[in-house]
Amino acid sequence: MPKATDFPRSITITAMDRLPLFRQTLMMLAANPLDGWRIFVRIEPTRLSGEFVAAVEELLAGRDCQVEVNPTRFGVRHNPFFAIEAAFAWGSGLNLHLEEDFCLSPDATAMALWFERNHRAHWLLLSLLAGPCASAGLLSNPDHPELLFEARTFNSLGFAVRRKEWYGLLRGIWLGTETSLTGHGAMRHRWGWDWAVYGLLAASRDLRSVQPVLARASHTGRTGTHSTAQFHDEAFGGLQINHQPEVAYRLAAVHELPYPVASHIRQMDERTDHILQLEHLSLLTQASLTSIACSRFRAFCLRVAKRLGRVPLPH
């Protein structure tokens, strides 16, 4: 059986209609070492699709690229899914997933390769930015560009995953499931692929993401499907990312990290625990309401049957 590092590597990028931001992302990606990487670009069909294709051909000229315009609009959940599926079907052993509106460090691919070389059995993926979904309190400390740590959180701002974890753990939860659940009870099913991954990590006793103390990606699109300008400015307005092309990475336990960093991580873990508690309470409440509704409906049926002189319903 081939080793994980025997497979080629890939980068997936999804895009739709933010051409200037897309061009910036491609220029930052081009500043990374890209030898040995195949780049899969999947563009949603709009009047700008041709210009997106031209931007790839211009800014990633000479790189191993496969760019396609989708036959129909896939949406924010399916477009990245199909892009990543294509990369692993091609034979990739490690995929780095990006979006059209990212600010990217020049060592993003180097960090992904470090993750692959040093992979441990309980590592689900590498995040390019530390912190949970929908949080304006993300971690990025410029004093420690070399440090990484194991985390229970996840966000969609760039991640690397091996083919084993994609097929074994992420692929099956990415698209969610149909459910009548609402609120936090539907978190892993209907809130989006990033919440499905976050829920998996948060609830697991063993799985962890690996995250950098200094971010390797940030966000440049101020508005979007699940974002507002106010949230964007609060979360990313002053967020710093790494600008060094070469860094000697070092994994550290949380208790070994400098206090300001460790306390920030502990706060994020507390937030994660609170989210899990909300999910549990939501599921418990909805199960109780369903049970009460069923009991009341059964009692109603028994009363109707009795009035009609029919045999009572079986217990």
Protein backbone atom coordinates (compact mmCIF):
# COMPACT_ATOMS: atom_id res chain seq x y z
CA MET A 1 0.00 0.00 0.00
CA PRO A 2 1.44 3.43 -0.92
CA LYS A 3 2.24 5.90 1.82
CA ALA A 4 0.15 9.07 2.10
CA THR A 5 3.15 11.13 0.97
CA ASP A 6 3.46 9.06 -2.24
CA PHE A 7 0.35 10.70 -3.68
CA PRO A 8 0.41 14.05 -5.52
CA ARG A 9 -1.00 17.18 -3.89
CA SER A 10 -3.78 19.48 -4.96
CA ILE A 11 -5.31 22.89 -4.32
CA THR A 12 -9.00 23.59 -4.85
CA ILE A 13 -10.39 27.09 -5.31
CA THR A 14 -14.08 27.95 -5.65
CA ALA A 15 -15.23 31.21 -7.17
CA MET A 16 -18.33 33.03 -8.32
CA ASP A 17 -18.48 36.78 -8.92
CA ARG A 18 -15.77 38.69 -6.99
CA LEU A 19 -13.24 39.08 -9.74
CA PRO A 20 -10.92 41.71 -8.13
CA LEU A 21 -10.74 39.67 -4.90
CA PHE A 22 -10.22 36.48 -6.88
CA ARG A 23 -7.28 38.04 -8.71
CA GLN A 24 -5.74 39.07 -5.38
CA THR A 25 -6.14 35.53 -4.06
CA LEU A 26 -4.46 34.07 -7.14
CA MET A 27 -1.54 36.51 -6.87
CA MET A 28 -1.01 35.55 -3.24
CA LEU A 29 -1.26 31.87 -4.10
CA ALA A 30 1.30 32.35 -6.88
CA ALA A 31 3.76 33.66 -4.25
CA ASN A 32 3.67 30.19 -2.62
CA PRO A 33 5.85 27.25 -3.68
CA LEU A 34 3.58 25.40 -6.14
CA ASP A 35 5.83 22.75 -7.65
CA GLY A 36 4.13 19.37 -7.30
CA TRP A 37 0.67 20.88 -6.77
CA ARG A 38 -2.23 20.63 -9.23
CA ILE A 39 -4.75 23.46 -8.90
CA PHE A 40 -8.46 22.79 -9.47
CA VAL A 41 -10.55 25.93 -9.98
CA ARG A 42 -14.34 25.62 -10.05
CA ILE A 43 -16.24 28.73 -11.14
CA GLU A 44 -19.97 29.27 -10.78
CA PRO A 45 -21.62 30.34 -14.08
CA THR A 46 -22.16 34.12 -14.29
CA ARG A 47 -21.56 36.81 -16.89
CA LEU A 48 -18.02 37.10 -15.44
CA SER A 49 -17.08 33.44 -15.89
CA GLY A 50 -14.89 34.10 -18.92
CA GLU A 51 -12.95 36.77 -17.05
CA PHE A 52 -12.38 34.37 -14.14
CA VAL A 53 -10.94 31.78 -16.54
CA ALA A 54 -8.72 34.44 -18.11
CA ALA A 55 -7.48 35.50 -14.66
CA VAL A 56 -6.38 31.94 -13.90
CA GLU A 57 -4.62 31.64 -17.25
CA GLU A 58 -2.84 34.95 -16.66
CA LEU A 59 -1.91 34.79 -12.98
CA LEU A 60 -1.16 31.07 -12.74
CA ALA A 61 0.50 30.75 -16.14
CA GLY A 62 2.89 27.81 -16.26
CA ARG A 63 1.26 26.14 -13.25
CA ASP A 64 -0.56 22.81 -13.33
CA CYS A 65 -4.16 24.06 -13.41
CA GLN A 66 -7.53 22.57 -14.28
CA VAL A 67 -10.16 25.28 -14.48
CA GLU A 68 -13.84 24.65 -15.19
CA VAL A 69 -17.03 26.66 -15.23
CA ASN A 70 -19.81 24.65 -13.61
CA PRO A 71 -22.67 23.60 -15.91
CA THR A 72 -25.14 25.05 -13.41
CA ARG A 73 -24.86 26.94 -10.14
CA PHE A 74 -23.90 24.44 -7.43
CA GLY A 75 -24.02 26.76 -4.42
CA VAL A 76 -21.80 27.27 -1.38
CA ARG A 77 -22.18 23.71 -0.11
CA HIS A 78 -21.92 21.69 -3.32
CA ASN A 79 -19.34 23.68 -5.29
CA PRO A 80 -16.47 23.05 -2.83
CA PHE A 81 -17.65 19.46 -2.36
CA PHE A 82 -17.45 18.69 -6.08
CA ALA A 83 -14.11 20.52 -6.38
CA ILE A 84 -12.54 18.50 -3.56
CA GLU A 85 -14.08 15.31 -4.93
CA ALA A 86 -12.46 16.00 -8.29
CA ALA A 87 -9.07 16.55 -6.67
CA PHE A 88 -9.13 13.28 -4.75
CA ALA A 89 -10.61 11.36 -7.69
CA TRP A 90 -7.62 12.60 -9.73
CA GLY A 91 -5.37 10.94 -7.16
CA SER A 92 -4.44 13.68 -4.70
CA GLY A 93 -3.18 12.59 -1.32
CA LEU A 94 -3.49 16.04 0.26
CA ASN A 95 -5.79 18.90 -0.72
CA LEU A 96 -5.61 22.54 0.33
CA HIS A 97 -9.00 24.19 -0.08
CA LEU A 98 -9.36 27.93 -0.70
CA GLU A 99 -12.05 30.38 -1.81
CA GLU A 100 -12.06 33.39 -4.12
CA ASP A 101 -11.82 36.03 -1.40
CA PHE A 102 -8.87 35.00 0.76
CA CYS A 103 -5.79 36.89 1.84
CA LEU A 104 -3.10 34.20 1.81
CA SER A 105 0.36 33.85 3.35
CA PRO A 106 3.38 32.94 1.18
CA ASP A 107 3.95 29.75 3.24
CA ALA A 108 0.42 28.32 3.10
CA THR A 109 1.47 25.39 0.90
CA ALA A 110 4.65 24.86 2.97
CA MET A 111 2.55 24.59 6.13
CA ALA A 112 0.24 22.11 4.41
CA LEU A 113 3.24 19.96 3.48
CA TRP A 114 4.53 20.15 7.07
CA PHE A 115 1.10 18.93 8.22
CA GLU A 116 1.31 16.00 5.79
CA ARG A 117 4.86 15.02 6.76
CA ASN A 118 4.20 15.17 10.49
CA HIS A 119 0.63 13.84 10.47
CA ARG A 120 -0.65 12.06 13.56
CA ALA A 121 -3.54 9.59 13.63
CA HIS A 122 -5.91 11.95 15.49
CA TRP A 123 -5.35 14.94 13.19
CA LEU A 124 -8.44 15.57 11.07
CA LEU A 125 -7.13 18.56 9.13
CA LEU A 126 -5.01 21.70 9.13
CA SER A 127 -6.75 25.07 9.46
CA LEU A 128 -5.04 28.17 8.08
CA LEU A 129 -6.75 30.33 10.71
CA ALA A 130 -7.38 29.48 14.37
CA GLY A 131 -10.87 29.80 15.76
CA PRO A 132 -14.46 28.60 15.49
CA CYS A 133 -17.21 29.26 12.97
CA ALA A 134 -19.10 32.56 13.19
CA SER A 135 -16.67 34.07 15.70
CA ALA A 136 -15.25 37.56 15.67
CA GLY A 137 -12.69 36.49 18.28
CA LEU A 138 -10.26 34.62 16.03
CA LEU A 139 -6.66 34.04 17.07
CA SER A 140 -3.69 35.50 15.23
CA ASN A 141 -0.60 36.54 17.18
CA PRO A 142 2.28 37.95 15.07
CA ASP A 143 4.82 37.32 17.83
CA HIS A 144 4.78 33.57 17.21
CA PRO A 145 4.79 32.71 13.47
CA GLU A 146 6.36 29.31 14.10
CA LEU A 147 3.87 27.89 16.61
CA LEU A 148 1.00 25.49 15.92
CA PHE A 149 -1.32 23.69 18.33
CA GLU A 150 -4.06 21.06 18.40
CA ALA A 151 -7.59 22.44 18.56
CA ARG A 152 -11.25 21.46 18.76
CA THR A 153 -12.42 24.33 16.58
CA PHE A 154 -12.83 24.86 12.86
CA ASN A 155 -13.71 27.61 10.39
CA SER A 156 -13.91 27.75 6.62
CA LEU A 157 -10.98 30.12 6.04
CA GLY A 158 -8.75 27.59 4.28
CA PHE A 159 -7.88 24.06 5.32
CA ALA A 160 -5.80 21.08 4.23
CA VAL A 161 -7.04 17.50 4.50
CA ARG A 162 -5.57 14.14 3.47
CA ARG A 163 -7.49 11.73 1.25
CA LYS A 164 -7.87 9.23 4.13
CA GLU A 165 -9.67 11.72 6.38
CA TRP A 166 -11.71 13.09 3.46
CA TYR A 167 -13.10 9.71 2.49
CA GLY A 168 -13.27 8.35 6.01
CA LEU A 169 -14.66 11.31 7.96
CA LEU A 170 -15.51 14.49 6.06
CA ARG A 171 -17.10 13.35 2.83
CA GLY A 172 -20.04 11.70 4.56
CA ILE A 173 -21.02 14.75 6.62
CA TRP A 174 -20.24 17.57 4.20
CA LEU A 175 -23.63 17.83 2.49
CA GLY A 176 -25.65 17.51 5.69
CA THR A 177 -28.91 15.60 6.00
CA GLU A 178 -32.59 16.37 5.67
CA THR A 179 -34.05 16.94 9.10
CA SER A 180 -37.01 18.56 10.80
CA LEU A 181 -34.72 19.78 13.58
CA THR A 182 -34.39 23.52 14.11
CA GLY A 183 -32.06 25.86 16.00
CA HIS A 184 -28.81 24.47 17.38
CA GLY A 185 -30.25 20.98 16.99
CA ALA A 186 -29.81 21.39 13.24
CA MET A 187 -26.27 22.74 13.55
CA ARG A 188 -24.48 19.80 11.97
CA HIS A 189 -27.22 19.08 9.43
CA ARG A 190 -28.41 22.35 7.93
CA TRP A 191 -26.11 25.22 8.95
CA GLY A 192 -23.43 24.52 6.34
CA TRP A 193 -20.45 22.27 5.68
CA ASP A 194 -18.20 24.29 8.00
CA TRP A 195 -20.60 23.76 10.92
CA ALA A 196 -20.75 20.04 10.12
CA VAL A 197 -16.95 19.83 10.37
CA TYR A 198 -16.87 22.02 13.47
CA GLY A 199 -19.51 19.85 15.14
CA LEU A 200 -17.54 16.70 14.36
CA LEU A 201 -14.38 18.12 15.93
CA ALA A 202 -16.10 19.72 18.90
CA ALA A 203 -17.92 16.54 19.93
CA SER A 204 -15.02 14.16 19.35
CA ARG A 205 -12.95 12.86 22.24
CA ASP A 206 -9.98 12.21 19.97
CA LEU A 207 -10.05 14.17 16.70
CA ARG A 208 -8.23 17.48 16.51
CA SER A 209 -7.46 20.15 13.96
CA VAL A 210 -3.99 21.67 13.76
CA GLN A 211 -3.99 25.47 13.77
CA PRO A 212 -1.32 28.20 13.57
CA VAL A 213 -0.92 30.81 16.28
CA LEU A 214 -0.33 33.35 13.49
CA ALA A 215 -2.93 33.09 10.73
CA ARG A 216 -2.05 31.96 7.21
CA ALA A 217 -5.32 33.20 5.72
CA SER A 218 -7.84 35.96 6.22
CA HIS A 219 -11.01 37.09 4.49
CA THR A 220 -11.36 39.98 2.03
CA GLY A 221 -15.03 39.77 0.99
CA ARG A 222 -16.96 42.10 3.32
CA THR A 223 -20.36 40.63 2.47
CA GLY A 224 -21.47 37.18 1.41
CA THR A 225 -24.01 34.39 1.73
CA HIS A 226 -23.43 34.04 5.47
CA SER A 227 -21.64 37.27 6.36
CA THR A 228 -22.33 40.95 6.86
CA ALA A 229 -19.99 43.91 6.52
CA GLN A 230 -20.19 44.59 10.25
CA PHE A 231 -19.23 41.04 11.19
CA HIS A 232 -16.47 40.99 8.60
CA ASP A 233 -14.91 44.18 9.92
CA GLU A 234 -15.10 42.97 13.52
CA ALA A 235 -13.58 39.57 12.71
CA PHE A 236 -11.02 40.41 10.02
CA GLY A 237 -10.52 44.19 10.02
CA GLY A 238 -7.34 44.08 12.10
CA LEU A 239 -6.43 40.42 11.70
CA GLN A 240 -2.76 39.96 10.80
CA ILE A 241 -1.36 37.08 8.77
CA ASN A 242 2.13 35.74 8.27
CA HIS A 243 4.26 37.37 5.55
CA GLN A 244 7.42 35.26 5.92
CA PRO A 245 7.98 32.78 3.08
CA GLU A 246 10.00 30.38 5.24
CA VAL A 247 9.24 29.44 8.85
CA ALA A 248 10.55 26.60 11.05
CA TYR A 249 7.26 25.26 12.42
CA ARG A 250 6.87 23.86 15.91
CA LEU A 251 3.89 22.09 17.43
CA ALA A 252 3.27 22.98 21.08
CA ALA A 253 0.79 21.83 23.70
CA VAL A 254 -1.63 24.55 24.80
CA HIS A 255 -0.14 24.72 28.30
CA GLU A 256 3.29 25.34 26.74
CA LEU A 257 2.13 28.35 24.75
CA PRO A 258 2.59 31.95 25.93
CA TYR A 259 -0.17 32.95 28.34
CA PRO A 260 -1.98 35.42 26.03
CA VAL A 261 -2.21 32.71 23.36
CA ALA A 262 -3.15 29.88 25.72
CA SER A 263 -5.87 31.93 27.41
CA HIS A 264 -7.36 32.83 24.02
CA ILE A 265 -7.46 29.14 23.06
CA ARG A 266 -9.12 28.21 26.36
CA GLN A 267 -11.76 30.87 25.75
CA MET A 268 -12.44 29.36 22.32
CA ASP A 269 -12.78 25.93 23.93
CA GLU A 270 -15.26 27.36 26.43
CA ARG A 271 -17.29 28.81 23.55
CA THR A 272 -17.21 25.42 21.85
CA ASP A 273 -18.50 23.72 25.00
CA HIS A 274 -21.33 26.26 25.21
CA ILE A 275 -22.30 25.55 21.60
CA LEU A 276 -22.38 21.82 22.31
CA GLN A 277 -24.57 22.46 25.36
CA LEU A 278 -26.96 24.50 23.22
CA GLU A 279 -27.06 21.71 20.66
CA HIS A 280 -27.82 19.14 23.38
CA LEU A 281 -30.55 21.27 24.95
CA SER A 282 -32.10 21.95 21.55
CA LEU A 283 -32.17 18.25 20.70
CA LEU A 284 -33.56 17.35 24.12
CA THR A 285 -36.28 20.00 23.91
CA GLN A 286 -37.35 19.00 20.42
CA ALA A 287 -37.40 15.31 21.37
CA SER A 288 -39.54 16.15 24.42
CA LEU A 289 -41.95 18.22 22.35
CA THR A 290 -42.25 15.40 19.84
CA SER A 291 -42.93 12.91 22.63
CA ILE A 292 -45.56 15.18 24.18
CA ALA A 293 -47.21 15.74 20.81
CA CYS A 294 -47.31 11.99 20.11
CA SER A 295 -48.78 11.28 23.55
CA ARG A 296 -51.46 13.90 23.09
CA PHE A 297 -52.30 12.62 19.62
CA ARG A 298 -52.57 9.05 20.95
CA ALA A 299 -54.88 10.18 23.76
CA PHE A 300 -57.02 12.01 21.23
CA CYS A 301 -57.27 8.88 19.06
CA LEU A 302 -58.29 6.78 22.06
CA ARG A 303 -61.03 9.27 22.96
CA VAL A 304 -62.33 9.30 19.39
CA ALA A 305 -62.28 5.49 19.20
CA LYS A 306 -64.17 5.22 22.46
CA ARG A 307 -66.85 7.63 21.31
CA LEU A 308 -67.25 5.73 18.08
CA GLY A 309 -67.44 2.45 19.95
CA ARG A 310 -64.38 1.03 18.25
CA VAL A 311 -61.71 -1.12 19.80
CA PRO A 312 -59.09 1.04 21.56
CA LEU A 313 -55.75 1.40 19.86
CA PRO A 314 -53.12 -1.11 21.02
CA HIS A 315 -50.56 0.06 23.56
